[in-house]
Amino acid sequence: MELFYPPPRSPELNDIELVWRQAKYQDYPQRAQTSTDAIGKAVDQAMNHQRDRIRQSATNRIQAA
């Protein structure tokens, strides 16, 4: 068996990179927070949006099958 490794910086081949990019630029575009609590709430909200988007996508794929 021969193993193939992706290049060190290949976000298109790494699903979590796509998730983080979407969370960073779409769900959490405003990054100027005034406190650590505000940062935590903003990140939680971004991750909740991401979770909901993934859940809806999975539901749509299951229904289409």
C-alpha atoms as a PDB file:
ATOM      1  CA  MET A   1       0.000   0.000   0.000  1.00  0.00           C
ATOM      2  CA  GLU A   2       1.317   3.421  -0.920  1.00  0.00           C
ATOM      3  CA  LEU A   3       0.213   6.437   1.081  1.00  0.00           C
ATOM      4  CA  PHE A   4      -0.374   9.799  -0.528  1.00  0.00           C
ATOM      5  CA  TYR A   5      -0.279  12.913   1.625  1.00  0.00           C
ATOM      6  CA  PRO A   6      -1.882  16.184   0.612  1.00  0.00           C
ATOM      7  CA  PRO A   7       0.415  19.171   0.228  1.00  0.00           C
ATOM      8  CA  PRO A   8       1.014  20.989   3.546  1.00  0.00           C
ATOM      9  CA  ARG A   9      -1.247  23.889   2.599  1.00  0.00           C
ATOM     10  CA  SER A  10      -4.187  22.478   0.666  1.00  0.00           C
ATOM     11  CA  PRO A  11      -7.411  23.787   2.257  1.00  0.00           C
ATOM     12  CA  GLU A  12      -9.524  22.536  -0.650  1.00  0.00           C
ATOM     13  CA  LEU A  13      -8.556  18.978   0.323  1.00  0.00           C
ATOM     14  CA  ASN A  14      -9.253  19.467   4.024  1.00  0.00           C
ATOM     15  CA  ASP A  15     -12.955  19.757   4.894  1.00  0.00           C
ATOM     16  CA  ILE A  16     -12.389  21.471   8.229  1.00  0.00           C
ATOM     17  CA  GLU A  17     -10.531  24.291   6.458  1.00  0.00           C
ATOM     18  CA  LEU A  18     -13.650  24.974   4.394  1.00  0.00           C
ATOM     19  CA  VAL A  19     -15.756  25.059   7.568  1.00  0.00           C
ATOM     20  CA  TRP A  20     -13.352  27.439   9.302  1.00  0.00           C
ATOM     21  CA  ARG A  21     -13.144  29.727   6.262  1.00  0.00           C
ATOM     22  CA  GLN A  22     -16.918  30.008   6.082  1.00  0.00           C
ATOM     23  CA  ALA A  23     -17.209  30.635   9.818  1.00  0.00           C
ATOM     24  CA  LYS A  24     -14.422  33.211   9.743  1.00  0.00           C
ATOM     25  CA  TYR A  25     -15.521  35.268   6.745  1.00  0.00           C
ATOM     26  CA  GLN A  26     -19.304  34.782   6.642  1.00  0.00           C
ATOM     27  CA  ASP A  27     -20.497  34.040  10.158  1.00  0.00           C
ATOM     28  CA  TYR A  28     -17.946  36.150  12.045  1.00  0.00           C
ATOM     29  CA  PRO A  29     -16.919  38.978   9.709  1.00  0.00           C
ATOM     30  CA  GLN A  30     -16.769  41.694  12.400  1.00  0.00           C
ATOM     31  CA  ARG A  31     -13.732  40.946  14.538  1.00  0.00           C
ATOM     32  CA  ALA A  32     -13.453  44.168  16.557  1.00  0.00           C
ATOM     33  CA  GLN A  33     -14.816  43.060  19.916  1.00  0.00           C
ATOM     34  CA  THR A  34     -14.371  45.039  23.119  1.00  0.00           C
ATOM     35  CA  SER A  35     -14.066  42.183  25.616  1.00  0.00           C
ATOM     36  CA  THR A  36     -13.261  38.512  25.860  1.00  0.00           C
ATOM     37  CA  ASP A  37     -16.924  37.834  26.686  1.00  0.00           C
ATOM     38  CA  ALA A  38     -17.971  39.564  23.462  1.00  0.00           C
ATOM     39  CA  ILE A  39     -15.435  37.511  21.506  1.00  0.00           C
ATOM     40  CA  GLY A  40     -16.712  34.297  23.088  1.00  0.00           C
ATOM     41  CA  LYS A  41     -20.331  35.152  22.283  1.00  0.00           C
ATOM     42  CA  ALA A  42     -19.487  36.099  18.694  1.00  0.00           C
ATOM     43  CA  VAL A  43     -17.534  32.881  18.131  1.00  0.00           C
ATOM     44  CA  ASP A  44     -20.318  30.814  19.719  1.00  0.00           C
ATOM     45  CA  GLN A  45     -22.839  32.472  17.418  1.00  0.00           C
ATOM     46  CA  ALA A  46     -20.639  31.823  14.368  1.00  0.00           C
ATOM     47  CA  MET A  47     -20.226  28.157  15.324  1.00  0.00           C
ATOM     48  CA  ASN A  48     -23.983  27.815  15.901  1.00  0.00           C
ATOM     49  CA  HIS A  49     -24.640  29.198  12.405  1.00  0.00           C
ATOM     50  CA  GLN A  50     -22.104  26.764  11.008  1.00  0.00           C
ATOM     51  CA  ARG A  51     -23.673  23.834  12.885  1.00  0.00           C
ATOM     52  CA  ASP A  52     -27.136  24.774  11.612  1.00  0.00           C
ATOM     53  CA  ARG A  53     -25.840  25.079   8.034  1.00  0.00           C
ATOM     54  CA  ILE A  54     -24.177  21.646   8.211  1.00  0.00           C
ATOM     55  CA  ARG A  55     -27.269  20.086   9.778  1.00  0.00           C
ATOM     56  CA  GLN A  56     -29.516  21.522   7.051  1.00  0.00           C
ATOM     57  CA  SER A  57     -27.134  20.384   4.330  1.00  0.00           C
ATOM     58  CA  ALA A  58     -27.077  16.836   5.721  1.00  0.00           C
ATOM     59  CA  THR A  59     -30.868  16.801   6.005  1.00  0.00           C
ATOM     60  CA  ASN A  60     -31.222  17.939   2.397  1.00  0.00           C
ATOM     61  CA  ARG A  61     -28.828  15.237   1.185  1.00  0.00           C
ATOM     62  CA  ILE A  62     -30.663  12.528   3.123  1.00  0.00           C
ATOM     63  CA  GLN A  63     -34.025  13.645   1.766  1.00  0.00           C
ATOM     64  CA  ALA A  64     -32.653  13.687  -1.778  1.00  0.00           C
ATOM     65  CA  ALA A  65     -31.375  10.117  -1.502  1.00  0.00           C
END
